[in-house]
Amino acid sequence: MNLYYYDLHIHSCLSPCADDDMTPNNIAGMAAIKGLHILALTDHNSCKNCPAFFAACKKQGIVPIAGMELSTAEDIHLVCLFPTLEQALACDKELGIHLLPIQNKKEIFGNQLVLDEKDEIIGEEGTLLISATDLPIDEAIRFAEGFGAHVHPAHIDRESNGILAILGDIPQEYGFDCLEFNNPNSMKSIFERFPRLSEAKALVCSDAHHLWDINEAEHSILLEDEPYSSSLVRSRLFDYLQSL
């Protein structure tokens, strides 16, 4: 078994609120410099840069996770992590019908760039990705889980798009076994206010929109990895996330 340093919430230049410098190769390179082992790409309501991200991580020896930050109709953000790239892309394809029909105005919101494994632009997403979808939270959870995703609420310690700020609590019926924090120092106060939440696994992720925001090698998960392979580590990560 070995410790794996992670950051499971990172945005690429496909997210309009992220820097254009957040290309798959730049992200993987910065994560390698910082000593991270497992990385998830979680653009707003899209997985279209995940293929290039997988190729970039392979060059750096980093285990990639295909993900998405799904916005519910209540504008709660959920992190959806997929066991395979194929499941992520299938979810991405189906989610299109749930996006609000608002065109991106790049001069206001920023670019939404789709890149290849060489960080060259191969397309641009026209529909604005940072809007809420038409899926209420319970339906959003079922939707993502239908594609095999592990789903947990993003940055519960933040006022903006955090489930606690919007709902005032985290209903047990949603079945979350993990909670994401943006600031580890906020855990103590939240667990004091909501003791039941301390039963869930706590993840600390950056929600990086800039290269310098990516986590340092400070937060880790102990995983069984013999005989080593990227696919085995990815599988063991999902076993960890889904275990109670």
Protein backbone atom coordinates (compact mmCIF):
# COMPACT_ATOMS: atom_id res chain seq x y z
CA MET A 1 0.00 0.00 0.00
CA ASN A 2 1.15 3.53 -0.68
CA LEU A 3 0.07 7.09 -0.03
CA TYR A 4 -1.29 8.90 -3.07
CA TYR A 5 -1.42 12.67 -3.04
CA TYR A 6 -4.45 13.93 -4.90
CA ASP A 7 -6.46 16.84 -6.22
CA LEU A 8 -9.88 15.75 -7.45
CA HIS A 9 -11.34 19.09 -8.51
CA ILE A 10 -9.54 20.97 -11.29
CA HIS A 11 -10.82 23.08 -14.18
CA SER A 12 -9.30 23.37 -17.62
CA CYS A 13 -9.65 26.12 -20.21
CA LEU A 14 -12.96 24.53 -21.19
CA SER A 15 -14.48 26.15 -18.11
CA PRO A 16 -15.00 29.82 -19.02
CA CYS A 17 -14.00 30.96 -15.52
CA ALA A 18 -10.60 29.24 -15.78
CA ASP A 19 -7.41 30.65 -17.27
CA ASP A 20 -6.65 29.77 -20.87
CA ASP A 21 -3.30 28.56 -19.47
CA MET A 22 -5.18 25.67 -17.82
CA THR A 23 -4.41 23.30 -20.66
CA PRO A 24 -4.22 19.53 -20.08
CA ASN A 25 -0.43 19.47 -20.42
CA ASN A 26 0.08 22.51 -18.20
CA ILE A 27 -2.19 21.04 -15.53
CA ALA A 28 -0.43 17.67 -15.57
CA GLY A 29 2.97 19.31 -15.59
CA MET A 30 2.19 21.56 -12.64
CA ALA A 31 0.72 18.62 -10.70
CA ALA A 32 3.89 16.62 -11.32
CA ILE A 33 6.04 19.51 -10.08
CA LYS A 34 3.91 19.69 -6.94
CA GLY A 35 4.25 15.96 -6.32
CA LEU A 36 0.66 14.87 -6.93
CA HIS A 37 -0.16 11.30 -7.97
CA ILE A 38 -3.91 11.33 -8.75
CA LEU A 39 -5.69 14.14 -10.57
CA ALA A 40 -9.30 14.67 -11.66
CA LEU A 41 -10.40 17.08 -14.37
CA THR A 42 -13.82 18.47 -13.42
CA ASP A 43 -14.89 21.16 -15.86
CA HIS A 44 -18.29 22.78 -15.49
CA ASN A 45 -20.96 20.54 -17.01
CA SER A 46 -18.58 18.99 -19.55
CA CYS A 47 -15.97 16.25 -19.95
CA LYS A 48 -14.77 17.22 -23.42
CA ASN A 49 -11.16 17.90 -22.39
CA CYS A 50 -10.81 14.60 -20.53
CA PRO A 51 -9.31 12.65 -23.49
CA ALA A 52 -6.47 15.17 -23.84
CA PHE A 53 -6.10 15.24 -20.05
CA PHE A 54 -5.64 11.46 -19.91
CA ALA A 55 -2.89 11.67 -22.53
CA ALA A 56 -1.16 14.53 -20.67
CA CYS A 57 -1.26 12.71 -17.33
CA LYS A 58 0.16 9.54 -18.87
CA LYS A 59 3.26 11.48 -19.96
CA GLN A 60 3.75 12.71 -16.38
CA GLY A 61 3.10 9.39 -14.66
CA ILE A 62 -0.06 10.74 -13.00
CA VAL A 63 -3.23 8.68 -12.57
CA PRO A 64 -6.03 10.62 -14.33
CA ILE A 65 -9.69 10.64 -13.32
CA ALA A 66 -12.38 11.83 -15.73
CA GLY A 67 -14.81 14.09 -13.95
CA MET A 68 -17.29 16.91 -14.16
CA GLU A 69 -18.59 19.63 -11.85
CA LEU A 70 -22.32 19.30 -12.40
CA SER A 71 -24.53 22.29 -11.58
CA THR A 72 -28.00 21.39 -10.31
CA ALA A 73 -31.16 23.42 -10.90
CA GLU A 74 -30.66 24.87 -7.41
CA ASP A 75 -27.14 25.91 -8.52
CA ILE A 76 -25.52 23.45 -6.13
CA HIS A 77 -22.23 22.11 -7.47
CA LEU A 78 -21.64 18.35 -7.45
CA VAL A 79 -18.35 16.64 -8.25
CA CYS A 80 -18.93 13.61 -10.47
CA LEU A 81 -16.00 11.21 -10.90
CA PHE A 82 -16.21 8.44 -13.49
CA PRO A 83 -14.44 5.07 -13.32
CA THR A 84 -13.70 5.20 -17.06
CA LEU A 85 -13.18 7.84 -19.71
CA GLU A 86 -15.88 6.22 -21.83
CA GLN A 87 -18.49 6.63 -19.08
CA ALA A 88 -17.54 10.29 -18.67
CA LEU A 89 -17.91 11.01 -22.38
CA ALA A 90 -21.26 9.20 -22.50
CA CYS A 91 -22.49 11.36 -19.62
CA ASP A 92 -21.19 14.48 -21.34
CA LYS A 93 -23.14 13.61 -24.49
CA GLU A 94 -26.42 13.10 -22.64
CA LEU A 95 -26.05 16.15 -20.40
CA GLY A 96 -26.37 18.48 -23.38
CA ILE A 97 -30.16 18.32 -23.33
CA HIS A 98 -30.16 19.52 -19.71
CA LEU A 99 -28.04 22.63 -20.27
CA LEU A 100 -29.83 25.94 -20.47
CA PRO A 101 -29.91 27.25 -24.07
CA ILE A 102 -27.64 30.20 -23.35
CA GLN A 103 -24.81 30.97 -25.73
CA ASN A 104 -21.42 31.77 -24.24
CA LYS A 105 -20.31 35.36 -24.63
CA LYS A 106 -16.56 34.89 -24.44
CA GLU A 107 -15.91 38.60 -23.99
CA ILE A 108 -17.91 38.42 -20.74
CA PHE A 109 -17.49 34.88 -19.42
CA GLY A 110 -14.28 33.71 -21.09
CA ASN A 111 -13.29 31.07 -23.63
CA GLN A 112 -14.53 27.49 -23.58
CA LEU A 113 -11.73 25.71 -25.41
CA VAL A 114 -11.57 22.05 -26.36
CA LEU A 115 -7.98 20.88 -26.84
CA ASP A 116 -6.14 17.85 -28.14
CA GLU A 117 -3.25 16.04 -26.47
CA LYS A 118 -0.80 18.65 -27.85
CA ASP A 119 -2.83 21.49 -26.28
CA GLU A 120 -3.95 22.63 -29.72
CA ILE A 121 -7.47 24.02 -30.06
CA ILE A 122 -9.79 21.58 -31.84
CA GLY A 123 -13.09 23.24 -30.93
CA GLU A 124 -15.01 25.63 -28.74
CA GLU A 125 -18.12 24.91 -26.71
CA GLY A 126 -20.84 27.34 -27.74
CA THR A 127 -23.33 26.75 -24.92
CA LEU A 128 -22.48 28.53 -21.68
CA LEU A 129 -21.21 25.88 -19.26
CA ILE A 130 -21.39 27.78 -15.97
CA SER A 131 -25.18 28.01 -15.90
CA ALA A 132 -27.31 25.69 -13.80
CA THR A 133 -28.78 22.65 -15.54
CA ASP A 134 -32.49 21.80 -15.41
CA LEU A 135 -31.79 18.84 -13.09
CA PRO A 136 -32.88 19.20 -9.43
CA ILE A 137 -30.27 17.78 -7.09
CA ASP A 138 -31.92 14.39 -6.56
CA GLU A 139 -32.30 13.93 -10.32
CA ALA A 140 -28.77 15.19 -10.97
CA ILE A 141 -27.35 12.58 -8.59
CA ARG A 142 -29.31 9.77 -10.28
CA PHE A 143 -28.37 11.09 -13.72
CA ALA A 144 -24.62 11.00 -13.04
CA GLU A 145 -24.78 7.70 -11.16
CA GLY A 146 -26.51 6.24 -14.20
CA PHE A 147 -23.15 6.60 -15.97
CA GLY A 148 -21.26 4.99 -13.09
CA ALA A 149 -20.18 8.24 -11.43
CA HIS A 150 -19.27 8.66 -7.81
CA VAL A 151 -21.05 11.86 -6.77
CA HIS A 152 -20.35 14.13 -3.81
CA PRO A 153 -21.03 17.80 -3.04
CA ALA A 154 -18.34 20.28 -4.00
CA HIS A 155 -16.72 22.79 -1.61
CA ILE A 156 -19.33 22.47 1.13
CA ASP A 157 -17.44 25.10 3.14
CA ARG A 158 -18.05 27.87 0.60
CA GLU A 159 -20.99 30.22 0.31
CA SER A 160 -20.94 30.19 -3.49
CA ASN A 161 -22.65 27.06 -4.88
CA GLY A 162 -22.08 25.06 -1.69
CA ILE A 163 -24.84 22.72 -0.58
CA LEU A 164 -24.79 23.89 3.05
CA ALA A 165 -25.12 27.53 2.07
CA ILE A 166 -28.02 26.80 -0.29
CA LEU A 167 -29.97 24.08 1.57
CA GLY A 168 -28.79 24.72 5.13
CA ASP A 169 -27.94 21.03 5.62
CA ILE A 170 -27.11 17.88 3.66
CA PRO A 171 -30.16 15.58 3.66
CA GLN A 172 -29.30 11.97 4.45
CA GLU A 173 -31.42 10.66 1.59
CA TYR A 174 -28.85 11.89 -0.92
CA GLY A 175 -26.52 9.19 0.35
CA PHE A 176 -23.26 11.11 0.10
CA ASP A 177 -20.34 9.10 1.48
CA CYS A 178 -17.79 11.84 0.73
CA LEU A 179 -17.73 15.59 1.26
CA GLU A 180 -15.38 18.01 -0.43
CA PHE A 181 -13.76 20.88 1.44
CA ASN A 182 -11.90 23.74 -0.16
CA ASN A 183 -10.21 24.79 3.09
CA PRO A 184 -9.23 22.05 5.56
CA ASN A 185 -9.36 24.56 8.40
CA SER A 186 -13.13 24.78 8.01
CA MET A 187 -13.74 21.12 8.83
CA LYS A 188 -13.78 21.53 12.61
CA SER A 189 -16.47 24.22 12.66
CA ILE A 190 -18.67 22.43 10.14
CA PHE A 191 -18.46 19.11 11.98
CA GLU A 192 -19.31 20.90 15.22
CA ARG A 193 -22.42 22.40 13.59
CA PHE A 194 -23.34 19.17 11.79
CA PRO A 195 -21.90 16.23 13.80
CA ARG A 196 -23.50 13.65 11.49
CA LEU A 197 -21.38 14.86 8.57
CA SER A 198 -18.18 13.74 10.31
CA GLU A 199 -19.15 10.15 9.45
CA ALA A 200 -18.43 10.83 5.76
CA LYS A 201 -14.98 10.87 4.17
CA ALA A 202 -13.51 14.34 3.87
CA LEU A 203 -11.67 15.29 0.69
CA VAL A 204 -9.66 18.50 0.36
CA CYS A 205 -9.52 19.71 -3.23
CA SER A 206 -8.46 22.95 -4.86
CA ASP A 207 -11.24 23.75 -7.36
CA ALA A 208 -8.28 25.18 -9.29
CA HIS A 209 -9.00 27.70 -12.03
CA HIS A 210 -5.35 28.84 -12.19
CA LEU A 211 -2.20 26.74 -12.31
CA TRP A 212 -0.97 28.09 -8.99
CA ASP A 213 -4.21 27.01 -7.28
CA ILE A 214 -3.57 23.30 -7.77
CA ASN A 215 -3.05 21.49 -4.47
CA GLU A 216 0.37 20.96 -3.03
CA ALA A 217 1.23 17.40 -1.98
CA GLU A 218 -0.52 17.73 1.38
CA HIS A 219 -3.65 15.57 1.18
CA SER A 220 -3.35 11.85 0.55
CA ILE A 221 -5.21 8.55 0.42
CA LEU A 222 -3.67 5.18 1.30
CA LEU A 223 -4.34 2.71 -1.52
CA GLU A 224 -3.44 -0.89 -2.29
CA ASP A 225 -1.49 -0.80 -5.57
CA GLU A 226 0.21 -4.17 -6.13
CA PRO A 227 0.90 -5.16 -8.85
CA TYR A 228 1.04 -1.50 -9.88
CA SER A 229 -0.94 -0.11 -12.78
CA SER A 230 -2.74 3.17 -13.35
CA SER A 231 -6.03 1.32 -13.84
CA LEU A 232 -5.59 -0.56 -10.54
CA VAL A 233 -4.93 2.64 -8.59
CA ARG A 234 -7.96 4.26 -10.22
CA SER A 235 -10.10 1.25 -9.29
CA ARG A 236 -8.82 1.26 -5.69
CA LEU A 237 -9.58 4.99 -5.45
CA PHE A 238 -13.20 4.35 -6.35
CA ASP A 239 -13.34 1.48 -3.87
CA TYR A 240 -12.14 3.92 -1.21
CA LEU A 241 -14.60 6.66 -2.17
CA GLN A 242 -17.56 4.30 -2.15
CA SER A 243 -16.76 2.41 1.04
CA LEU A 244 -18.50 3.37 4.28
